Amino acid sequence: MKHVKSLALCLLALALVLALAGCGGGKSDLPGTYKIDLDLAPALNSAMTQLGLAEEDLADLTLPVPYTLTLGEDGTYSMQADKEATVTALHTYLQGCGSAIEAALYKTAEESGLSREDFDAAFEQSTGSSVSDYVAEQISQLDEESLLSSLEEDEESGVYKAADGKLYFEEQEADFSEEDYVSYTLEGGKLTFTSVTGDAMDLQSLSEMLGDLFPMVFTKQ
């Protein structure tokens, strides 16, 4: 009888171990490489409005930058942008801005009663260049290196921990604070940051620059 009782207890213990091993959402499920595309256009649009563009002129422009978030088995993390893809996206964005500036100039001319040909002639006489050349010159003065440098500065690495649907990111373990975290869900290979509390990963300031940042959906690779 004692043997049967002991066997039953062993089976119960084994069942509990298997049940715990099957539970999802723990840190053991988190490690891996995740990717997300963030549209950085809103961060640059303010500079473009200084060149005479209205917000509606920029509404259709995007600047998608791929970011890679790596969560290590050892509790370390890193997040960085794909610089090559960023350069390509930036060139596309700036070309779109150039086209928008040209369209805005011609629209203003038409509203003033000038034909496109008359405006071209008057513009070249006044500036010594065509509209397209002038716009290209203005766009070329934008500092691409500055943007790329800021992306390098935005690269982060350190340590992380997960508890109760919250992710904590810091440079070192001693810096962990219960007041700085990202609320998250993990399901079907999708790591979703639903909100940020405090100053975790500078997401608060990034959200202020980009607007509707959340939910941030990372796809596991």
N, C-alpha and C. Protein backbone atom coordinates (compact mmCIF):
# COMPACT_ATOMS: atom_id res chain seq x y z
N MET A 1 0.83 -1.21 0.00
CA MET A 1 0.00 0.00 0.00
C MET A 1 0.86 1.27 0.00
N LYS A 2 1.95 1.20 0.83
CA LYS A 2 2.84 2.34 0.85
C LYS A 2 3.51 2.53 -0.50
N HIS A 3 3.81 1.40 -1.18
CA HIS A 3 4.45 1.47 -2.48
C HIS A 3 3.53 2.15 -3.50
N VAL A 4 2.25 1.78 -3.43
CA VAL A 4 1.26 2.38 -4.34
C VAL A 4 1.12 3.87 -4.07
N LYS A 5 1.11 4.22 -2.76
CA LYS A 5 0.99 5.64 -2.40
C LYS A 5 2.20 6.43 -2.90
N SER A 6 3.39 5.88 -2.74
CA SER A 6 4.61 6.55 -3.20
C SER A 6 4.60 6.72 -4.71
N LEU A 7 4.15 5.69 -5.41
CA LEU A 7 4.07 5.76 -6.87
C LEU A 7 3.10 6.85 -7.31
N ALA A 8 1.98 6.94 -6.60
CA ALA A 8 0.98 7.97 -6.93
C ALA A 8 1.56 9.37 -6.72
N LEU A 9 2.33 9.54 -5.63
CA LEU A 9 2.95 10.84 -5.37
C LEU A 9 3.97 11.20 -6.44
N CYS A 10 4.72 10.17 -6.89
CA CYS A 10 5.72 10.41 -7.94
C CYS A 10 5.05 10.83 -9.24
N LEU A 11 3.96 10.16 -9.56
CA LEU A 11 3.22 10.50 -10.78
C LEU A 11 2.64 11.91 -10.70
N LEU A 12 2.15 12.27 -9.50
CA LEU A 12 1.60 13.61 -9.31
C LEU A 12 2.70 14.66 -9.48
N ALA A 13 3.86 14.38 -8.89
CA ALA A 13 4.98 15.32 -9.01
C ALA A 13 5.41 15.47 -10.46
N LEU A 14 5.46 14.33 -11.20
CA LEU A 14 5.83 14.38 -12.61
C LEU A 14 4.82 15.19 -13.41
N ALA A 15 3.54 15.01 -13.11
CA ALA A 15 2.49 15.75 -13.81
C ALA A 15 2.63 17.25 -13.58
N LEU A 16 2.98 17.63 -12.34
CA LEU A 16 3.15 19.05 -12.03
C LEU A 16 4.34 19.63 -12.79
N VAL A 17 5.44 18.87 -12.86
CA VAL A 17 6.62 19.32 -13.59
C VAL A 17 6.30 19.53 -15.06
N LEU A 18 5.58 18.58 -15.66
CA LEU A 18 5.22 18.69 -17.07
C LEU A 18 4.28 19.87 -17.30
N ALA A 19 3.37 20.09 -16.38
CA ALA A 19 2.43 21.19 -16.52
C ALA A 19 3.15 22.53 -16.46
N LEU A 20 4.10 22.65 -15.53
CA LEU A 20 4.86 23.89 -15.42
C LEU A 20 5.73 24.12 -16.64
N ALA A 21 6.29 23.04 -17.18
CA ALA A 21 7.14 23.17 -18.36
C ALA A 21 6.33 23.61 -19.56
N GLY A 22 5.03 23.30 -19.59
CA GLY A 22 4.20 23.65 -20.72
C GLY A 22 3.60 25.03 -20.64
N CYS A 23 3.76 25.71 -19.50
CA CYS A 23 3.18 27.04 -19.36
C CYS A 23 3.93 28.03 -20.24
N GLY A 24 3.22 28.92 -20.96
CA GLY A 24 3.85 29.91 -21.83
C GLY A 24 3.97 31.24 -21.12
N GLY A 25 4.67 32.20 -21.80
CA GLY A 25 4.73 33.57 -21.31
C GLY A 25 5.87 33.85 -20.36
N GLY A 26 6.63 32.83 -19.96
CA GLY A 26 7.75 33.06 -19.06
C GLY A 26 8.96 33.54 -19.83
N LYS A 27 10.00 33.86 -19.08
CA LYS A 27 11.22 34.37 -19.71
C LYS A 27 11.81 33.35 -20.68
N SER A 28 11.59 32.04 -20.39
CA SER A 28 12.15 31.00 -21.25
C SER A 28 11.60 31.09 -22.67
N ASP A 29 10.43 31.69 -22.83
CA ASP A 29 9.84 31.85 -24.17
C ASP A 29 10.34 33.10 -24.88
N LEU A 30 10.93 34.02 -24.15
CA LEU A 30 11.30 35.31 -24.71
C LEU A 30 12.59 35.33 -25.54
N PRO A 31 13.64 34.66 -25.10
CA PRO A 31 14.91 34.80 -25.84
C PRO A 31 14.77 34.52 -27.32
N GLY A 32 15.44 35.33 -28.12
CA GLY A 32 15.39 35.17 -29.57
C GLY A 32 15.62 36.51 -30.26
N THR A 33 15.51 36.49 -31.57
CA THR A 33 15.71 37.69 -32.38
C THR A 33 14.37 38.12 -32.96
N TYR A 34 14.05 39.40 -32.78
CA TYR A 34 12.78 39.95 -33.24
C TYR A 34 13.06 41.15 -34.15
N LYS A 35 12.14 41.39 -35.09
CA LYS A 35 12.30 42.53 -35.99
C LYS A 35 11.01 43.34 -36.07
N ILE A 36 11.21 44.65 -36.30
CA ILE A 36 10.08 45.56 -36.45
C ILE A 36 10.51 46.69 -37.38
N ASP A 37 9.57 47.22 -38.16
CA ASP A 37 9.81 48.41 -38.98
C ASP A 37 9.17 49.61 -38.29
N LEU A 38 9.97 50.62 -37.98
CA LEU A 38 9.45 51.84 -37.38
C LEU A 38 9.49 52.96 -38.41
N ASP A 39 8.38 53.66 -38.56
CA ASP A 39 8.31 54.78 -39.50
C ASP A 39 8.83 56.04 -38.80
N LEU A 40 10.03 56.48 -39.22
CA LEU A 40 10.65 57.65 -38.60
C LEU A 40 10.30 58.96 -39.31
N ALA A 41 9.42 58.91 -40.30
CA ALA A 41 9.05 60.12 -41.03
C ALA A 41 8.56 61.24 -40.12
N PRO A 42 7.70 60.96 -39.13
CA PRO A 42 7.23 62.07 -38.27
C PRO A 42 8.35 62.82 -37.59
N ALA A 43 9.47 62.15 -37.32
CA ALA A 43 10.59 62.82 -36.66
C ALA A 43 11.28 63.82 -37.58
N LEU A 44 11.16 63.64 -38.90
CA LEU A 44 11.80 64.54 -39.86
C LEU A 44 10.83 65.53 -40.48
N ASN A 45 9.55 65.25 -40.37
CA ASN A 45 8.57 66.12 -41.03
C ASN A 45 8.62 67.55 -40.52
N SER A 46 8.97 67.72 -39.24
CA SER A 46 9.02 69.09 -38.71
C SER A 46 10.10 69.91 -39.42
N ALA A 47 11.21 69.26 -39.77
CA ALA A 47 12.25 69.97 -40.52
C ALA A 47 11.76 70.33 -41.91
N MET A 48 10.96 69.46 -42.50
CA MET A 48 10.45 69.70 -43.85
C MET A 48 9.44 70.85 -43.88
N THR A 49 8.69 71.02 -42.81
CA THR A 49 7.73 72.13 -42.79
C THR A 49 8.45 73.47 -42.81
N GLN A 50 9.71 73.48 -42.34
CA GLN A 50 10.49 74.72 -42.38
C GLN A 50 10.92 75.08 -43.80
N LEU A 51 10.82 74.11 -44.72
CA LEU A 51 11.13 74.37 -46.12
C LEU A 51 9.89 74.78 -46.91
N GLY A 52 8.79 74.99 -46.20
CA GLY A 52 7.58 75.47 -46.84
C GLY A 52 6.51 74.44 -47.08
N LEU A 53 6.73 73.21 -46.63
CA LEU A 53 5.72 72.18 -46.82
C LEU A 53 4.69 72.20 -45.70
N ALA A 54 3.46 71.92 -46.06
CA ALA A 54 2.41 71.79 -45.07
C ALA A 54 2.33 70.33 -44.63
N GLU A 55 1.71 70.09 -43.48
CA GLU A 55 1.63 68.72 -42.97
C GLU A 55 0.91 67.80 -43.95
N GLU A 56 -0.08 68.33 -44.65
CA GLU A 56 -0.81 67.48 -45.60
C GLU A 56 0.07 67.08 -46.79
N ASP A 57 1.08 67.90 -47.10
CA ASP A 57 2.00 67.56 -48.18
C ASP A 57 2.87 66.36 -47.82
N LEU A 58 3.02 66.12 -46.53
CA LEU A 58 3.90 65.05 -46.05
C LEU A 58 3.15 63.81 -45.60
N ALA A 59 1.83 63.88 -45.66
CA ALA A 59 1.00 62.82 -45.08
C ALA A 59 1.29 61.44 -45.67
N ASP A 60 1.63 61.37 -46.95
CA ASP A 60 1.82 60.07 -47.60
C ASP A 60 3.28 59.59 -47.58
N LEU A 61 4.16 60.36 -46.99
CA LEU A 61 5.57 59.99 -46.97
C LEU A 61 5.90 59.12 -45.76
N THR A 62 6.68 58.09 -45.98
CA THR A 62 7.10 57.22 -44.89
C THR A 62 8.62 57.05 -44.92
N LEU A 63 9.16 56.65 -43.77
CA LEU A 63 10.59 56.38 -43.69
C LEU A 63 10.76 55.13 -42.80
N PRO A 64 10.45 53.97 -43.38
CA PRO A 64 10.49 52.73 -42.57
C PRO A 64 11.92 52.28 -42.28
N VAL A 65 12.24 52.15 -41.02
CA VAL A 65 13.57 51.71 -40.60
C VAL A 65 13.43 50.37 -39.86
N PRO A 66 14.09 49.32 -40.36
CA PRO A 66 14.02 48.02 -39.68
C PRO A 66 14.91 48.02 -38.43
N TYR A 67 14.33 47.60 -37.33
CA TYR A 67 15.07 47.45 -36.08
C TYR A 67 15.10 45.97 -35.69
N THR A 68 16.21 45.56 -35.11
CA THR A 68 16.35 44.19 -34.62
C THR A 68 16.52 44.22 -33.11
N LEU A 69 15.64 43.51 -32.42
CA LEU A 69 15.72 43.38 -30.97
C LEU A 69 16.16 41.96 -30.65
N THR A 70 17.27 41.83 -29.95
CA THR A 70 17.79 40.52 -29.57
C THR A 70 17.71 40.35 -28.06
N LEU A 71 17.00 39.33 -27.63
CA LEU A 71 16.89 39.00 -26.22
C LEU A 71 17.67 37.71 -25.98
N GLY A 72 18.75 37.80 -25.23
CA GLY A 72 19.62 36.65 -25.05
C GLY A 72 19.16 35.72 -23.94
N GLU A 73 19.57 34.47 -24.05
CA GLU A 73 19.29 33.48 -23.01
C GLU A 73 19.93 33.89 -21.68
N ASP A 74 21.01 34.67 -21.77
CA ASP A 74 21.76 35.05 -20.57
C ASP A 74 21.22 36.33 -19.92
N GLY A 75 20.07 36.84 -20.42
CA GLY A 75 19.49 38.03 -19.83
C GLY A 75 20.02 39.33 -20.39
N THR A 76 20.81 39.27 -21.46
CA THR A 76 21.28 40.49 -22.11
C THR A 76 20.40 40.80 -23.32
N TYR A 77 20.41 42.06 -23.74
CA TYR A 77 19.62 42.45 -24.90
C TYR A 77 20.37 43.49 -25.72
N SER A 78 19.94 43.63 -26.97
CA SER A 78 20.43 44.72 -27.82
C SER A 78 19.32 45.09 -28.80
N MET A 79 19.30 46.35 -29.21
CA MET A 79 18.34 46.81 -30.21
C MET A 79 19.05 47.79 -31.12
N GLN A 80 19.04 47.51 -32.43
CA GLN A 80 19.76 48.37 -33.36
C GLN A 80 19.03 48.43 -34.70
N ALA A 81 19.32 49.52 -35.44
CA ALA A 81 18.69 49.74 -36.74
C ALA A 81 19.56 49.17 -37.84
N ASP A 82 18.92 48.80 -38.95
CA ASP A 82 19.62 48.35 -40.15
C ASP A 82 20.04 49.59 -40.93
N LYS A 83 21.33 49.92 -40.89
CA LYS A 83 21.80 51.18 -41.48
C LYS A 83 21.65 51.21 -43.00
N GLU A 84 21.94 50.11 -43.66
CA GLU A 84 21.84 50.08 -45.13
C GLU A 84 20.40 50.32 -45.57
N ALA A 85 19.47 49.65 -44.90
CA ALA A 85 18.06 49.84 -45.24
C ALA A 85 17.60 51.25 -44.90
N THR A 86 18.19 51.81 -43.84
CA THR A 86 17.83 53.17 -43.44
C THR A 86 18.25 54.19 -44.49
N VAL A 87 19.46 54.02 -45.04
CA VAL A 87 19.94 54.93 -46.09
C VAL A 87 19.01 54.88 -47.30
N THR A 88 18.62 53.67 -47.70
CA THR A 88 17.72 53.51 -48.85
C THR A 88 16.38 54.18 -48.58
N ALA A 89 15.84 53.94 -47.38
CA ALA A 89 14.55 54.53 -47.02
C ALA A 89 14.63 56.05 -46.94
N LEU A 90 15.77 56.55 -46.45
CA LEU A 90 15.95 58.00 -46.33
C LEU A 90 16.00 58.66 -47.70
N HIS A 91 16.71 58.05 -48.64
CA HIS A 91 16.76 58.60 -50.00
C HIS A 91 15.37 58.65 -50.62
N THR A 92 14.59 57.59 -50.44
CA THR A 92 13.22 57.55 -50.98
C THR A 92 12.37 58.65 -50.34
N TYR A 93 12.54 58.81 -49.03
CA TYR A 93 11.79 59.84 -48.32
C TYR A 93 12.14 61.23 -48.83
N LEU A 94 13.42 61.50 -48.99
CA LEU A 94 13.87 62.82 -49.44
C LEU A 94 13.43 63.12 -50.87
N GLN A 95 13.42 62.08 -51.71
CA GLN A 95 12.92 62.26 -53.07
C GLN A 95 11.45 62.63 -53.04
N GLY A 96 10.72 61.99 -52.16
CA GLY A 96 9.30 62.32 -52.01
C GLY A 96 9.11 63.74 -51.51
N CYS A 97 9.98 64.16 -50.60
CA CYS A 97 9.91 65.54 -50.10
C CYS A 97 10.20 66.53 -51.23
N GLY A 98 11.19 66.21 -52.07
CA GLY A 98 11.52 67.08 -53.19
C GLY A 98 10.34 67.24 -54.13
N SER A 99 9.70 66.14 -54.45
CA SER A 99 8.52 66.18 -55.33
C SER A 99 7.41 67.00 -54.69
N ALA A 100 7.23 66.85 -53.38
CA ALA A 100 6.18 67.59 -52.68
C ALA A 100 6.48 69.09 -52.67
N ILE A 101 7.75 69.45 -52.52
CA ILE A 101 8.13 70.87 -52.53
C ILE A 101 7.87 71.48 -53.90
N GLU A 102 8.25 70.77 -54.96
CA GLU A 102 7.99 71.26 -56.32
C GLU A 102 6.50 71.46 -56.55
N ALA A 103 5.71 70.46 -56.14
CA ALA A 103 4.26 70.55 -56.33
C ALA A 103 3.69 71.74 -55.57
N ALA A 104 4.22 71.98 -54.36
CA ALA A 104 3.73 73.10 -53.55
C ALA A 104 4.09 74.44 -54.19
N LEU A 105 5.27 74.54 -54.77
CA LEU A 105 5.68 75.78 -55.44
C LEU A 105 4.80 76.08 -56.64
N TYR A 106 4.55 75.05 -57.46
CA TYR A 106 3.71 75.26 -58.64
C TYR A 106 2.26 75.56 -58.25
N LYS A 107 1.81 74.93 -57.16
CA LYS A 107 0.44 75.20 -56.70
C LYS A 107 0.30 76.65 -56.28
N THR A 108 1.30 77.17 -55.58
CA THR A 108 1.28 78.57 -55.15
C THR A 108 1.29 79.50 -56.36
N ALA A 109 2.08 79.12 -57.37
CA ALA A 109 2.15 79.93 -58.59
C ALA A 109 0.81 79.98 -59.30
N GLU A 110 0.17 78.81 -59.40
CA GLU A 110 -1.13 78.73 -60.08
C GLU A 110 -2.17 79.55 -59.34
N GLU A 111 -2.11 79.50 -58.00
CA GLU A 111 -3.08 80.28 -57.22
C GLU A 111 -2.85 81.78 -57.38
N SER A 112 -1.62 82.13 -57.80
CA SER A 112 -1.31 83.55 -58.05
C SER A 112 -1.61 83.95 -59.48
N GLY A 113 -2.10 83.00 -60.30
CA GLY A 113 -2.47 83.30 -61.67
C GLY A 113 -1.36 83.10 -62.67
N LEU A 114 -0.24 82.50 -62.27
CA LEU A 114 0.87 82.26 -63.18
C LEU A 114 0.77 80.88 -63.80
N SER A 115 1.12 80.78 -65.08
CA SER A 115 1.20 79.47 -65.71
C SER A 115 2.49 78.81 -65.27
N ARG A 116 2.60 77.52 -65.48
CA ARG A 116 3.81 76.80 -65.11
C ARG A 116 5.02 77.35 -65.86
N GLU A 117 4.83 77.64 -67.15
CA GLU A 117 5.93 78.14 -67.97
C GLU A 117 6.39 79.52 -67.49
N ASP A 118 5.43 80.39 -67.18
CA ASP A 118 5.79 81.73 -66.70
C ASP A 118 6.50 81.65 -65.35
N PHE A 119 6.02 80.75 -64.50
CA PHE A 119 6.65 80.60 -63.19
C PHE A 119 8.08 80.08 -63.33
N ASP A 120 8.27 79.09 -64.23
CA ASP A 120 9.61 78.54 -64.46
C ASP A 120 10.57 79.65 -64.90
N ALA A 121 10.09 80.47 -65.83
CA ALA A 121 10.95 81.55 -66.35
C ALA A 121 11.27 82.57 -65.26
N ALA A 122 10.27 82.95 -64.49
CA ALA A 122 10.46 83.94 -63.43
C ALA A 122 11.37 83.38 -62.33
N PHE A 123 11.18 82.11 -62.03
CA PHE A 123 11.97 81.47 -60.97
C PHE A 123 13.44 81.39 -61.35
N GLU A 124 13.69 81.01 -62.60
CA GLU A 124 15.07 80.88 -63.05
C GLU A 124 15.74 82.26 -63.11
N GLN A 125 15.00 83.27 -63.51
CA GLN A 125 15.56 84.61 -63.57
C GLN A 125 15.90 85.11 -62.16
N SER A 126 15.07 84.73 -61.20
CA SER A 126 15.27 85.20 -59.82
C SER A 126 16.36 84.44 -59.09
N THR A 127 16.43 83.11 -59.29
CA THR A 127 17.36 82.28 -58.51
C THR A 127 18.57 81.82 -59.31
N GLY A 128 18.46 81.89 -60.63
CA GLY A 128 19.56 81.41 -61.47
C GLY A 128 19.55 79.91 -61.68
N SER A 129 18.47 79.25 -61.27
CA SER A 129 18.37 77.81 -61.48
C SER A 129 16.91 77.43 -61.71
N SER A 130 16.72 76.24 -62.24
CA SER A 130 15.36 75.75 -62.45
C SER A 130 14.76 75.35 -61.11
N VAL A 131 13.45 75.15 -61.12
CA VAL A 131 12.76 74.75 -59.88
C VAL A 131 13.31 73.42 -59.37
N SER A 132 13.45 72.45 -60.25
CA SER A 132 13.91 71.12 -59.83
C SER A 132 15.34 71.17 -59.29
N ASP A 133 16.22 71.97 -59.94
CA ASP A 133 17.60 72.08 -59.46
C ASP A 133 17.65 72.79 -58.10
N TYR A 134 16.82 73.80 -57.95
CA TYR A 134 16.78 74.53 -56.69
C TYR A 134 16.33 73.62 -55.55
N VAL A 135 15.27 72.86 -55.82
CA VAL A 135 14.75 71.95 -54.78
C VAL A 135 15.78 70.88 -54.45
N ALA A 136 16.43 70.35 -55.48
CA ALA A 136 17.46 69.32 -55.25
C ALA A 136 18.59 69.88 -54.38
N GLU A 137 18.95 71.14 -54.60
CA GLU A 137 19.99 71.77 -53.80
C GLU A 137 19.57 71.91 -52.34
N GLN A 138 18.31 72.29 -52.13
CA GLN A 138 17.79 72.43 -50.77
C GLN A 138 17.79 71.08 -50.05
N ILE A 139 17.38 70.04 -50.76
CA ILE A 139 17.32 68.71 -50.17
C ILE A 139 18.72 68.20 -49.84
N SER A 140 19.68 68.51 -50.71
CA SER A 140 21.05 68.03 -50.51
C SER A 140 21.69 68.63 -49.26
N GLN A 141 21.17 69.75 -48.81
CA GLN A 141 21.74 70.40 -47.64
C GLN A 141 21.29 69.74 -46.34
N LEU A 142 20.31 68.87 -46.44
CA LEU A 142 19.89 68.13 -45.25
C LEU A 142 20.99 67.15 -44.88
N ASP A 143 21.29 67.05 -43.64
CA ASP A 143 22.44 66.28 -43.17
C ASP A 143 22.05 64.82 -42.93
N GLU A 144 22.30 63.97 -43.93
CA GLU A 144 22.01 62.54 -43.78
C GLU A 144 22.88 61.91 -42.70
N GLU A 145 24.13 62.33 -42.65
CA GLU A 145 25.05 61.76 -41.67
C GLU A 145 24.57 62.00 -40.25
N SER A 146 23.92 63.15 -40.05
CA SER A 146 23.41 63.47 -38.73
C SER A 146 22.33 62.47 -38.32
N LEU A 147 21.45 62.14 -39.26
CA LEU A 147 20.40 61.17 -38.97
C LEU A 147 21.00 59.81 -38.65
N LEU A 148 21.95 59.38 -39.48
CA LEU A 148 22.56 58.08 -39.26
C LEU A 148 23.32 58.04 -37.93
N SER A 149 23.94 59.16 -37.58
CA SER A 149 24.64 59.22 -36.29
C SER A 149 23.66 59.10 -35.14
N SER A 150 22.50 59.74 -35.30
CA SER A 150 21.50 59.67 -34.24
C SER A 150 20.98 58.25 -34.09
N LEU A 151 20.90 57.51 -35.21
CA LEU A 151 20.47 56.12 -35.14
C LEU A 151 21.50 55.29 -34.38
N GLU A 152 22.78 55.58 -34.61
CA GLU A 152 23.82 54.86 -33.89
C GLU A 152 23.72 55.15 -32.39
N GLU A 153 23.43 56.40 -32.06
CA GLU A 153 23.28 56.76 -30.65
C GLU A 153 22.07 56.08 -30.04
N ASP A 154 21.05 55.80 -30.87
CA ASP A 154 19.84 55.16 -30.37
C ASP A 154 20.02 53.66 -30.14
N GLU A 155 21.11 53.08 -30.64
CA GLU A 155 21.34 51.66 -30.43
C GLU A 155 21.51 51.40 -28.94
N GLU A 156 20.85 50.36 -28.47
CA GLU A 156 20.86 50.08 -27.04
C GLU A 156 21.32 48.67 -26.78
N SER A 157 21.91 48.48 -25.61
CA SER A 157 22.27 47.14 -25.16
C SER A 157 22.35 47.17 -23.65
N GLY A 158 22.20 46.01 -23.04
CA GLY A 158 22.23 45.93 -21.60
C GLY A 158 21.64 44.62 -21.12
N VAL A 159 20.89 44.70 -20.05
CA VAL A 159 20.28 43.50 -19.47
C VAL A 159 18.77 43.70 -19.40
N TYR A 160 18.05 42.59 -19.35
CA TYR A 160 16.59 42.66 -19.26
C TYR A 160 16.09 41.58 -18.30
N LYS A 161 14.87 41.79 -17.85
CA LYS A 161 14.18 40.76 -17.08
C LYS A 161 12.69 40.89 -17.34
N ALA A 162 11.97 39.79 -17.16
CA ALA A 162 10.53 39.77 -17.41
C ALA A 162 9.80 39.26 -16.18
N ALA A 163 8.66 39.91 -15.87
CA ALA A 163 7.84 39.48 -14.74
C ALA A 163 6.44 40.04 -14.88
N ASP A 164 5.46 39.17 -14.77
CA ASP A 164 4.04 39.60 -14.76
C ASP A 164 3.66 40.47 -15.95
N GLY A 165 4.08 40.07 -17.16
CA GLY A 165 3.72 40.83 -18.35
C GLY A 165 4.46 42.14 -18.50
N LYS A 166 5.58 42.28 -17.78
CA LYS A 166 6.37 43.50 -17.85
C LYS A 166 7.81 43.15 -18.21
N LEU A 167 8.41 43.96 -19.08
CA LEU A 167 9.81 43.80 -19.45
C LEU A 167 10.59 45.00 -18.92
N TYR A 168 11.70 44.71 -18.28
CA TYR A 168 12.55 45.75 -17.73
C TYR A 168 13.88 45.75 -18.49
N PHE A 169 14.31 46.91 -18.96
CA PHE A 169 15.56 47.05 -19.71
C PHE A 169 16.46 48.06 -19.01
N GLU A 170 17.70 47.67 -18.74
CA GLU A 170 18.66 48.59 -18.13
C GLU A 170 20.06 48.27 -18.62
N GLU A 171 21.01 49.18 -18.34
CA GLU A 171 22.39 48.94 -18.73
C GLU A 171 23.02 47.85 -17.89
N GLN A 172 22.63 47.79 -16.61
CA GLN A 172 23.15 46.76 -15.73
C GLN A 172 22.09 46.41 -14.69
N GLU A 173 22.23 45.24 -14.08
CA GLU A 173 21.21 44.73 -13.17
C GLU A 173 20.94 45.67 -12.00
N ALA A 174 21.96 46.34 -11.52
CA ALA A 174 21.79 47.23 -10.37
C ALA A 174 20.86 48.40 -10.67
N ASP A 175 20.61 48.66 -11.96
CA ASP A 175 19.79 49.82 -12.35
C ASP A 175 18.31 49.49 -12.47
N PHE A 176 17.93 48.23 -12.35
CA PHE A 176 16.52 47.87 -12.52
C PHE A 176 15.64 48.66 -11.56
N SER A 177 14.55 49.21 -12.09
CA SER A 177 13.59 49.95 -11.28
C SER A 177 12.19 49.44 -11.59
N GLU A 178 11.39 49.28 -10.56
CA GLU A 178 10.02 48.82 -10.74
C GLU A 178 9.15 49.86 -11.45
N GLU A 179 9.67 51.07 -11.58
CA GLU A 179 8.90 52.16 -12.18
C GLU A 179 9.15 52.31 -13.68
N ASP A 180 10.14 51.60 -14.22
CA ASP A 180 10.49 51.70 -15.64
C ASP A 180 10.34 50.35 -16.31
N TYR A 181 9.29 50.20 -17.12
CA TYR A 181 9.06 48.91 -17.76
C TYR A 181 8.17 49.07 -18.99
N VAL A 182 8.19 48.03 -19.81
CA VAL A 182 7.33 47.95 -20.98
C VAL A 182 6.33 46.82 -20.76
N SER A 183 5.06 47.13 -20.90
CA SER A 183 4.05 46.08 -20.82
C SER A 183 4.04 45.32 -22.14
N TYR A 184 3.94 43.99 -22.08
CA TYR A 184 4.06 43.21 -23.30
C TYR A 184 3.18 41.98 -23.29
N THR A 185 2.97 41.45 -24.50
CA THR A 185 2.36 40.13 -24.67
C THR A 185 3.23 39.36 -25.65
N LEU A 186 3.21 38.05 -25.54
CA LEU A 186 3.96 37.19 -26.45
C LEU A 186 3.05 36.06 -26.88
N GLU A 187 2.74 36.05 -28.18
CA GLU A 187 1.82 35.04 -28.69
C GLU A 187 2.08 34.80 -30.17
N GLY A 188 2.18 33.53 -30.54
CA GLY A 188 2.33 33.16 -31.94
C GLY A 188 3.53 33.80 -32.61
N GLY A 189 4.65 33.92 -31.90
CA GLY A 189 5.84 34.51 -32.49
C GLY A 189 5.78 36.02 -32.60
N LYS A 190 4.77 36.65 -31.97
CA LYS A 190 4.63 38.10 -31.99
C LYS A 190 4.86 38.63 -30.58
N LEU A 191 5.90 39.43 -30.43
CA LEU A 191 6.17 40.12 -29.17
C LEU A 191 5.62 41.54 -29.31
N THR A 192 4.60 41.84 -28.54
CA THR A 192 3.92 43.14 -28.67
C THR A 192 4.15 43.99 -27.44
N PHE A 193 4.76 45.16 -27.65
CA PHE A 193 4.87 46.15 -26.59
C PHE A 193 3.57 46.96 -26.61
N THR A 194 2.79 46.87 -25.54
CA THR A 194 1.49 47.54 -25.53
C THR A 194 1.54 48.96 -24.96
N SER A 195 2.50 49.20 -24.07
CA SER A 195 2.66 50.54 -23.50
C SER A 195 3.98 50.62 -22.76
N VAL A 196 4.37 51.82 -22.41
CA VAL A 196 5.60 52.01 -21.65
C VAL A 196 5.29 52.84 -20.41
N THR A 197 5.92 52.46 -19.31
CA THR A 197 5.79 53.20 -18.06
C THR A 197 7.19 53.65 -17.64
N GLY A 198 7.33 54.92 -17.34
CA GLY A 198 8.65 55.41 -16.97
C GLY A 198 9.53 55.65 -18.19
N ASP A 199 10.80 55.29 -18.07
CA ASP A 199 11.77 55.65 -19.10
C ASP A 199 12.45 54.42 -19.71
N ALA A 200 11.72 53.33 -19.88
CA ALA A 200 12.32 52.11 -20.42
C ALA A 200 12.72 52.29 -21.87
N MET A 201 13.99 52.04 -22.19
CA MET A 201 14.52 52.07 -23.56
C MET A 201 14.24 53.39 -24.29
N ASP A 202 14.02 54.46 -23.56
CA ASP A 202 13.72 55.76 -24.18
C ASP A 202 12.47 55.71 -25.06
N LEU A 203 11.60 54.76 -24.83
CA LEU A 203 10.41 54.63 -25.67
C LEU A 203 9.43 55.78 -25.46
N GLN A 204 9.47 56.38 -24.27
CA GLN A 204 8.58 57.51 -24.00
C GLN A 204 8.90 58.68 -24.93
N SER A 205 10.18 59.01 -25.04
CA SER A 205 10.58 60.13 -25.91
C SER A 205 10.37 59.77 -27.38
N LEU A 206 10.61 58.50 -27.72
CA LEU A 206 10.40 58.06 -29.11
C LEU A 206 8.92 58.16 -29.47
N SER A 207 8.07 57.83 -28.52
CA SER A 207 6.63 57.92 -28.76
C SER A 207 6.20 59.36 -28.97
N GLU A 208 6.83 60.29 -28.27
CA GLU A 208 6.50 61.70 -28.44
C GLU A 208 6.91 62.19 -29.82
N MET A 209 8.01 61.66 -30.36
CA MET A 209 8.47 62.08 -31.69
C MET A 209 7.66 61.46 -32.81
N LEU A 210 7.30 60.18 -32.65
CA LEU A 210 6.67 59.45 -33.74
C LEU A 210 5.15 59.37 -33.64
N GLY A 211 4.59 59.78 -32.52
CA GLY A 211 3.14 59.74 -32.40
C GLY A 211 2.64 58.38 -31.97
N ASP A 212 1.82 57.75 -32.78
CA ASP A 212 1.19 56.47 -32.41
C ASP A 212 2.21 55.33 -32.48
N LEU A 213 3.01 55.20 -31.44
CA LEU A 213 4.06 54.19 -31.41
C LEU A 213 3.54 52.82 -31.01
N PHE A 214 2.56 52.82 -30.12
CA PHE A 214 2.03 51.55 -29.62
C PHE A 214 0.70 51.21 -30.26
N PRO A 215 0.45 49.90 -30.44
CA PRO A 215 1.31 48.78 -30.05
C PRO A 215 2.49 48.60 -31.00
N MET A 216 3.66 48.23 -30.44
CA MET A 216 4.84 47.89 -31.24
C MET A 216 4.86 46.36 -31.36
N VAL A 217 4.75 45.88 -32.58
CA VAL A 217 4.67 44.44 -32.79
C VAL A 217 5.97 43.94 -33.43
N PHE A 218 6.73 43.15 -32.68
CA PHE A 218 7.97 42.56 -33.15
C PHE A 218 7.68 41.12 -33.59
N THR A 219 8.27 40.73 -34.72
CA THR A 219 8.08 39.37 -35.22
C THR A 219 9.34 38.56 -34.96
N LYS A 220 9.16 37.39 -34.34
CA LYS A 220 10.30 36.54 -34.03
C LYS A 220 10.84 35.92 -35.29
N GLN A 221 12.16 35.91 -35.44
CA GLN A 221 12.79 35.40 -36.64
C GLN A 221 13.14 33.91 -36.50
